[in-house]
């Protein structure tokens, strides 16, 4: 007995582009950032002092940082001016509807009680994305604080938040592991939702469309 689905538009082009820019920049920032933290000198990458591998890694890290910042700004814009599924009010547990969806999502992932997927993100995902946004702001401020020691503006922000360059560097590095953990859980849950409900969540971030359940089959 098969499910019946209805194809619905969920995410706009800017949202999808922002997602992939954010993902790609996070990947590049993680690789180059760890190399900057602990450069190695016994591989094929290091052929001599003229190769400037660390300098090249720093350049790629800074470049990815600008793309990362742009993606975060775009996501903030879409929270207020995107479509209904992209706005912050649709996915935070601040309304009765979203509070129910928040706990429903938790029970869903614990295999206690399955619930019908919604067109946008569930409230648990929305809360996680808000946390990720706040951590991203800390990463941006700490990154530019270290990048522009001559800038009075960034030094004021950085000094007020971290007190010193050493502290900001430590916080910046430790928070990198949040993105690694977030990426693993994010990919797993996206695939899990597609397997369990067939809603097309993975393909939706490319096509922009999801498949909602119109009719569920009765149990045999």
C-alpha atoms as a PDB file:
ATOM      1  CA  UNK A   1       0.000   0.000   0.000  1.00  0.00           C
ATOM      2  CA  UNK A   2       1.607   3.313  -1.059  1.00  0.00           C
ATOM      3  CA  UNK A   3       1.521   6.766   0.401  1.00  0.00           C
ATOM      4  CA  UNK A   4       0.015   9.611  -1.589  1.00  0.00           C
ATOM      5  CA  UNK A   5       2.091  12.779  -1.828  1.00  0.00           C
ATOM      6  CA  UNK A   6       1.641  16.336  -2.991  1.00  0.00           C
ATOM      7  CA  UNK A   7       4.629  18.264  -4.325  1.00  0.00           C
ATOM      8  CA  UNK A   8       4.893  21.708  -2.697  1.00  0.00           C
ATOM      9  CA  UNK A   9       7.356  24.580  -3.026  1.00  0.00           C
ATOM     10  CA  UNK A  10       9.277  24.986   0.225  1.00  0.00           C
ATOM     11  CA  UNK A  11      12.503  26.938  -0.226  1.00  0.00           C
ATOM     12  CA  UNK A  12      13.467  29.779  -2.564  1.00  0.00           C
ATOM     13  CA  UNK A  13      16.625  30.108  -4.654  1.00  0.00           C
ATOM     14  CA  UNK A  14      18.432  32.461  -2.259  1.00  0.00           C
ATOM     15  CA  UNK A  15      17.812  30.110   0.652  1.00  0.00           C
ATOM     16  CA  UNK A  16      19.243  27.151  -1.243  1.00  0.00           C
ATOM     17  CA  UNK A  17      22.277  29.078  -2.476  1.00  0.00           C
ATOM     18  CA  UNK A  18      22.897  30.344   1.055  1.00  0.00           C
ATOM     19  CA  UNK A  19      22.739  26.787   2.395  1.00  0.00           C
ATOM     20  CA  UNK A  20      25.391  25.482   0.002  1.00  0.00           C
ATOM     21  CA  UNK A  21      27.656  28.519   0.398  1.00  0.00           C
ATOM     22  CA  UNK A  22      27.437  28.061   4.168  1.00  0.00           C
ATOM     23  CA  UNK A  23      28.167  24.324   3.896  1.00  0.00           C
ATOM     24  CA  UNK A  24      31.107  24.743   1.497  1.00  0.00           C
ATOM     25  CA  UNK A  25      32.642  27.585   3.501  1.00  0.00           C
ATOM     26  CA  UNK A  26      32.332  25.589   6.740  1.00  0.00           C
ATOM     27  CA  UNK A  27      34.128  22.648   5.144  1.00  0.00           C
ATOM     28  CA  UNK A  28      36.957  24.832   3.821  1.00  0.00           C
ATOM     29  CA  UNK A  29      37.207  26.768   7.083  1.00  0.00           C
ATOM     30  CA  UNK A  30      37.490  23.543   9.070  1.00  0.00           C
ATOM     31  CA  UNK A  31      40.241  22.079   6.873  1.00  0.00           C
ATOM     32  CA  UNK A  32      42.302  25.259   6.619  1.00  0.00           C
ATOM     33  CA  UNK A  33      41.619  26.266  10.217  1.00  0.00           C
ATOM     34  CA  UNK A  34      42.943  23.006  11.599  1.00  0.00           C
ATOM     35  CA  UNK A  35      46.001  23.293   9.367  1.00  0.00           C
ATOM     36  CA  UNK A  36      46.657  26.800  10.678  1.00  0.00           C
ATOM     37  CA  UNK A  37      46.280  25.468  14.224  1.00  0.00           C
ATOM     38  CA  UNK A  38      48.611  22.518  13.674  1.00  0.00           C
ATOM     39  CA  UNK A  39      50.574  22.724  10.404  1.00  0.00           C
ATOM     40  CA  UNK A  40      52.424  19.608   9.375  1.00  0.00           C
ATOM     41  CA  UNK A  41      55.826  19.576   7.666  1.00  0.00           C
ATOM     42  CA  UNK A  42      56.347  15.948   6.680  1.00  0.00           C
ATOM     43  CA  UNK A  43      53.892  15.635   3.803  1.00  0.00           C
ATOM     44  CA  UNK A  44      53.975  16.353   0.097  1.00  0.00           C
ATOM     45  CA  UNK A  45      52.349  19.722   0.787  1.00  0.00           C
ATOM     46  CA  UNK A  46      55.542  21.068   2.345  1.00  0.00           C
ATOM     47  CA  UNK A  47      58.337  20.960  -0.244  1.00  0.00           C
ATOM     48  CA  UNK A  48      60.345  23.874   1.027  1.00  0.00           C
ATOM     49  CA  UNK A  49      60.212  27.361   2.445  1.00  0.00           C
ATOM     50  CA  UNK A  50      59.236  28.824  -0.947  1.00  0.00           C
ATOM     51  CA  UNK A  51      55.883  27.028  -0.974  1.00  0.00           C
ATOM     52  CA  UNK A  52      54.263  29.209   1.731  1.00  0.00           C
ATOM     53  CA  UNK A  53      51.716  26.506   2.555  1.00  0.00           C
ATOM     54  CA  UNK A  54      50.604  28.106   5.825  1.00  0.00           C
ATOM     55  CA  UNK A  55      50.226  31.488   4.113  1.00  0.00           C
ATOM     56  CA  UNK A  56      48.137  29.883   1.356  1.00  0.00           C
ATOM     57  CA  UNK A  57      45.994  28.112   3.950  1.00  0.00           C
ATOM     58  CA  UNK A  58      45.490  31.412   5.771  1.00  0.00           C
ATOM     59  CA  UNK A  59      44.437  33.084   2.525  1.00  0.00           C
ATOM     60  CA  UNK A  60      41.884  30.320   1.790  1.00  0.00           C
ATOM     61  CA  UNK A  61      40.684  30.509   5.385  1.00  0.00           C
ATOM     62  CA  UNK A  62      40.110  34.255   5.167  1.00  0.00           C
ATOM     63  CA  UNK A  63      38.424  33.934   1.776  1.00  0.00           C
ATOM     64  CA  UNK A  64      36.086  31.224   3.079  1.00  0.00           C
ATOM     65  CA  UNK A  65      35.428  33.425   6.102  1.00  0.00           C
ATOM     66  CA  UNK A  66      34.036  36.184   3.892  1.00  0.00           C
ATOM     67  CA  UNK A  67      31.726  33.711   2.111  1.00  0.00           C
ATOM     68  CA  UNK A  68      30.697  32.335   5.515  1.00  0.00           C
ATOM     69  CA  UNK A  69      29.875  35.857   6.719  1.00  0.00           C
ATOM     70  CA  UNK A  70      27.880  36.565   3.571  1.00  0.00           C
ATOM     71  CA  UNK A  71      25.864  33.365   4.032  1.00  0.00           C
ATOM     72  CA  UNK A  72      25.080  34.245   7.653  1.00  0.00           C
ATOM     73  CA  UNK A  73      23.922  37.731   6.629  1.00  0.00           C
ATOM     74  CA  UNK A  74      21.693  36.275   3.889  1.00  0.00           C
ATOM     75  CA  UNK A  75      20.178  33.793   6.345  1.00  0.00           C
ATOM     76  CA  UNK A  76      19.448  36.611   8.777  1.00  0.00           C
ATOM     77  CA  UNK A  77      17.733  38.533   5.958  1.00  0.00           C
ATOM     78  CA  UNK A  78      15.594  35.511   5.018  1.00  0.00           C
ATOM     79  CA  UNK A  79      14.491  35.119   8.625  1.00  0.00           C
ATOM     80  CA  UNK A  80      12.463  38.297   8.165  1.00  0.00           C
ATOM     81  CA  UNK A  81      11.915  38.656   4.415  1.00  0.00           C
ATOM     82  CA  UNK A  82      11.912  35.085   3.083  1.00  0.00           C
ATOM     83  CA  UNK A  83       8.840  32.957   2.416  1.00  0.00           C
ATOM     84  CA  UNK A  84       6.871  31.422   5.280  1.00  0.00           C
ATOM     85  CA  UNK A  85       9.094  28.340   5.564  1.00  0.00           C
ATOM     86  CA  UNK A  86      12.243  30.470   5.676  1.00  0.00           C
ATOM     87  CA  UNK A  87      11.135  32.947   8.362  1.00  0.00           C
ATOM     88  CA  UNK A  88      12.265  32.610  11.954  1.00  0.00           C
ATOM     89  CA  UNK A  89       8.700  32.749  13.272  1.00  0.00           C
ATOM     90  CA  UNK A  90       7.799  29.514  11.456  1.00  0.00           C
ATOM     91  CA  UNK A  91      10.342  27.327  13.202  1.00  0.00           C
ATOM     92  CA  UNK A  92      10.910  28.614  16.738  1.00  0.00           C
ATOM     93  CA  UNK A  93       8.956  27.188  19.715  1.00  0.00           C
ATOM     94  CA  UNK A  94       7.378  30.541  20.605  1.00  0.00           C
ATOM     95  CA  UNK A  95       3.794  29.731  19.602  1.00  0.00           C
ATOM     96  CA  UNK A  96       1.420  26.997  20.730  1.00  0.00           C
ATOM     97  CA  UNK A  97       1.674  25.348  17.315  1.00  0.00           C
ATOM     98  CA  UNK A  98       5.462  25.354  17.333  1.00  0.00           C
ATOM     99  CA  UNK A  99       5.752  24.244  20.963  1.00  0.00           C
ATOM    100  CA  UNK A 100       3.713  21.166  20.093  1.00  0.00           C
ATOM    101  CA  UNK A 101       5.849  20.595  17.035  1.00  0.00           C
ATOM    102  CA  UNK A 102       9.046  20.963  19.110  1.00  0.00           C
ATOM    103  CA  UNK A 103       8.121  18.155  21.496  1.00  0.00           C
ATOM    104  CA  UNK A 104       6.630  16.164  18.641  1.00  0.00           C
ATOM    105  CA  UNK A 105       9.964  16.293  16.816  1.00  0.00           C
ATOM    106  CA  UNK A 106      11.803  15.057  19.911  1.00  0.00           C
ATOM    107  CA  UNK A 107       9.394  12.137  20.315  1.00  0.00           C
ATOM    108  CA  UNK A 108       9.697  11.491  16.602  1.00  0.00           C
ATOM    109  CA  UNK A 109      13.501  11.152  16.675  1.00  0.00           C
ATOM    110  CA  UNK A 110      13.309   8.993  19.811  1.00  0.00           C
ATOM    111  CA  UNK A 111      10.948   6.575  17.978  1.00  0.00           C
ATOM    112  CA  UNK A 112       8.284   7.148  20.642  1.00  0.00           C
ATOM    113  CA  UNK A 113       5.599   8.736  18.464  1.00  0.00           C
ATOM    114  CA  UNK A 114       5.890   9.630  14.798  1.00  0.00           C
ATOM    115  CA  UNK A 115       4.364  12.868  13.551  1.00  0.00           C
ATOM    116  CA  UNK A 116       3.516  14.208  10.124  1.00  0.00           C
ATOM    117  CA  UNK A 117       6.364  16.306   8.639  1.00  0.00           C
ATOM    118  CA  UNK A 118       5.597  19.959   7.930  1.00  0.00           C
ATOM    119  CA  UNK A 119       6.479  21.891   4.787  1.00  0.00           C
ATOM    120  CA  UNK A 120       9.214  23.916   6.480  1.00  0.00           C
ATOM    121  CA  UNK A 121      11.591  22.969   9.285  1.00  0.00           C
ATOM    122  CA  UNK A 122      10.307  21.511  12.518  1.00  0.00           C
ATOM    123  CA  UNK A 123      10.684  23.623  15.669  1.00  0.00           C
ATOM    124  CA  UNK A 124      13.549  21.506  17.006  1.00  0.00           C
ATOM    125  CA  UNK A 125      15.524  22.158  13.830  1.00  0.00           C
ATOM    126  CA  UNK A 126      14.622  25.850  13.982  1.00  0.00           C
ATOM    127  CA  UNK A 127      15.960  26.102  17.538  1.00  0.00           C
ATOM    128  CA  UNK A 128      19.168  24.364  16.479  1.00  0.00           C
ATOM    129  CA  UNK A 129      19.578  26.743  13.537  1.00  0.00           C
ATOM    130  CA  UNK A 130      19.154  29.732  15.860  1.00  0.00           C
ATOM    131  CA  UNK A 131      21.886  28.338  18.113  1.00  0.00           C
ATOM    132  CA  UNK A 132      24.088  27.804  15.049  1.00  0.00           C
ATOM    133  CA  UNK A 133      23.469  31.394  13.968  1.00  0.00           C
ATOM    134  CA  UNK A 134      24.497  32.745  17.378  1.00  0.00           C
ATOM    135  CA  UNK A 135      27.651  30.607  17.391  1.00  0.00           C
ATOM    136  CA  UNK A 136      28.371  31.798  13.853  1.00  0.00           C
ATOM    137  CA  UNK A 137      28.232  35.393  15.068  1.00  0.00           C
ATOM    138  CA  UNK A 138      30.824  34.561  17.735  1.00  0.00           C
ATOM    139  CA  UNK A 139      32.994  32.922  15.052  1.00  0.00           C
ATOM    140  CA  UNK A 140      32.698  35.973  12.785  1.00  0.00           C
ATOM    141  CA  UNK A 141      33.569  38.483  15.502  1.00  0.00           C
ATOM    142  CA  UNK A 142      36.485  36.412  16.834  1.00  0.00           C
ATOM    143  CA  UNK A 143      37.750  35.782  13.300  1.00  0.00           C
ATOM    144  CA  UNK A 144      37.757  39.419  12.221  1.00  0.00           C
ATOM    145  CA  UNK A 145      39.143  40.426  15.622  1.00  0.00           C
ATOM    146  CA  UNK A 146      42.195  38.275  14.891  1.00  0.00           C
ATOM    147  CA  UNK A 147      42.361  39.211  11.206  1.00  0.00           C
ATOM    148  CA  UNK A 148      42.298  42.998  11.714  1.00  0.00           C
ATOM    149  CA  UNK A 149      44.356  43.860  14.812  1.00  0.00           C
ATOM    150  CA  UNK A 150      44.765  47.388  13.421  1.00  0.00           C
ATOM    151  CA  UNK A 151      41.000  48.018  13.220  1.00  0.00           C
ATOM    152  CA  UNK A 152      39.669  50.023  16.145  1.00  0.00           C
ATOM    153  CA  UNK A 153      36.115  48.756  15.540  1.00  0.00           C
ATOM    154  CA  UNK A 154      37.004  45.067  15.590  1.00  0.00           C
ATOM    155  CA  UNK A 155      39.358  45.574  18.532  1.00  0.00           C
ATOM    156  CA  UNK A 156      36.565  47.127  20.585  1.00  0.00           C
ATOM    157  CA  UNK A 157      34.192  44.272  19.770  1.00  0.00           C
ATOM    158  CA  UNK A 158      36.857  41.625  20.294  1.00  0.00           C
ATOM    159  CA  UNK A 159      38.246  43.066  23.504  1.00  0.00           C
ATOM    160  CA  UNK A 160      34.781  43.413  25.047  1.00  0.00           C
ATOM    161  CA  UNK A 161      33.873  39.810  24.178  1.00  0.00           C
ATOM    162  CA  UNK A 162      37.171  37.951  24.587  1.00  0.00           C
ATOM    163  CA  UNK A 163      39.530  40.311  26.441  1.00  0.00           C
ATOM    164  CA  UNK A 164      42.538  39.084  24.455  1.00  0.00           C
ATOM    165  CA  UNK A 165      43.585  37.642  21.088  1.00  0.00           C
ATOM    166  CA  UNK A 166      44.659  34.414  22.809  1.00  0.00           C
ATOM    167  CA  UNK A 167      41.198  33.877  24.294  1.00  0.00           C
ATOM    168  CA  UNK A 168      39.467  34.615  20.994  1.00  0.00           C
ATOM    169  CA  UNK A 169      41.752  32.155  19.199  1.00  0.00           C
ATOM    170  CA  UNK A 170      40.925  29.449  21.755  1.00  0.00           C
ATOM    171  CA  UNK A 171      37.167  30.078  21.513  1.00  0.00           C
ATOM    172  CA  UNK A 172      37.377  30.206  17.705  1.00  0.00           C
ATOM    173  CA  UNK A 173      39.125  26.835  17.579  1.00  0.00           C
ATOM    174  CA  UNK A 174      36.905  25.075  20.129  1.00  0.00           C
ATOM    175  CA  UNK A 175      33.700  26.201  18.394  1.00  0.00           C
ATOM    176  CA  UNK A 176      34.976  24.620  15.172  1.00  0.00           C
ATOM    177  CA  UNK A 177      34.080  21.241  16.665  1.00  0.00           C
ATOM    178  CA  UNK A 178      30.460  22.352  17.019  1.00  0.00           C
ATOM    179  CA  UNK A 179      30.214  22.643  13.228  1.00  0.00           C
ATOM    180  CA  UNK A 180      31.728  19.195  12.761  1.00  0.00           C
ATOM    181  CA  UNK A 181      29.183  17.695  15.149  1.00  0.00           C
ATOM    182  CA  UNK A 182      26.344  19.761  13.659  1.00  0.00           C
ATOM    183  CA  UNK A 183      27.196  18.617  10.112  1.00  0.00           C
ATOM    184  CA  UNK A 184      27.180  14.931  11.089  1.00  0.00           C
ATOM    185  CA  UNK A 185      23.833  15.172  12.903  1.00  0.00           C
ATOM    186  CA  UNK A 186      22.320  17.407  10.212  1.00  0.00           C
ATOM    187  CA  UNK A 187      23.162  15.009   7.371  1.00  0.00           C
ATOM    188  CA  UNK A 188      22.025  11.979   9.361  1.00  0.00           C
ATOM    189  CA  UNK A 189      18.642  13.495  10.273  1.00  0.00           C
ATOM    190  CA  UNK A 190      18.027  14.763   6.725  1.00  0.00           C
ATOM    191  CA  UNK A 191      18.606  11.280   5.294  1.00  0.00           C
ATOM    192  CA  UNK A 192      16.639   9.686   8.147  1.00  0.00           C
ATOM    193  CA  UNK A 193      13.616  11.885   7.399  1.00  0.00           C
ATOM    194  CA  UNK A 194      13.724  10.930   3.731  1.00  0.00           C
ATOM    195  CA  UNK A 195      13.927   7.229   4.562  1.00  0.00           C
ATOM    196  CA  UNK A 196      11.167   7.350   7.182  1.00  0.00           C
ATOM    197  CA  UNK A 197       8.703   9.729   5.534  1.00  0.00           C
ATOM    198  CA  UNK A 198       9.735  10.084   1.886  1.00  0.00           C
ATOM    199  CA  UNK A 199       9.313  13.866   2.047  1.00  0.00           C
ATOM    200  CA  UNK A 200      12.295  14.632  -0.204  1.00  0.00           C
ATOM    201  CA  UNK A 201      14.098  16.732   2.396  1.00  0.00           C
ATOM    202  CA  UNK A 202      17.527  16.031   0.889  1.00  0.00           C
ATOM    203  CA  UNK A 203      16.506  16.918  -2.660  1.00  0.00           C
ATOM    204  CA  UNK A 204      14.517  19.945  -1.422  1.00  0.00           C
ATOM    205  CA  UNK A 205      17.711  21.865  -0.703  1.00  0.00           C
ATOM    206  CA  UNK A 206      18.521  21.508  -4.424  1.00  0.00           C
ATOM    207  CA  UNK A 207      15.108  21.659  -6.088  1.00  0.00           C
ATOM    208  CA  UNK A 208      13.294  23.746  -3.481  1.00  0.00           C
ATOM    209  CA  UNK A 209      10.306  21.371  -3.340  1.00  0.00           C
ATOM    210  CA  UNK A 210       9.162  18.827  -0.755  1.00  0.00           C
ATOM    211  CA  UNK A 211       6.533  16.080  -0.832  1.00  0.00           C
ATOM    212  CA  UNK A 212       3.797  16.294   1.779  1.00  0.00           C
ATOM    213  CA  UNK A 213       1.617  13.383   2.803  1.00  0.00           C
ATOM    214  CA  UNK A 214      -1.878  13.777   1.380  1.00  0.00           C
ATOM    215  CA  UNK A 215      -3.181  10.381   2.409  1.00  0.00           C
ATOM    216  CA  UNK A 216      -1.621   7.810   4.702  1.00  0.00           C
ATOM    217  CA  UNK A 217      -2.426   4.138   4.145  1.00  0.00           C
ATOM    218  CA  UNK A 218      -4.253   2.286   6.902  1.00  0.00           C
ATOM    219  CA  UNK A 219      -2.366  -0.448   8.741  1.00  0.00           C
ATOM    220  CA  UNK A 220      -2.968  -3.966   7.477  1.00  0.00           C
END
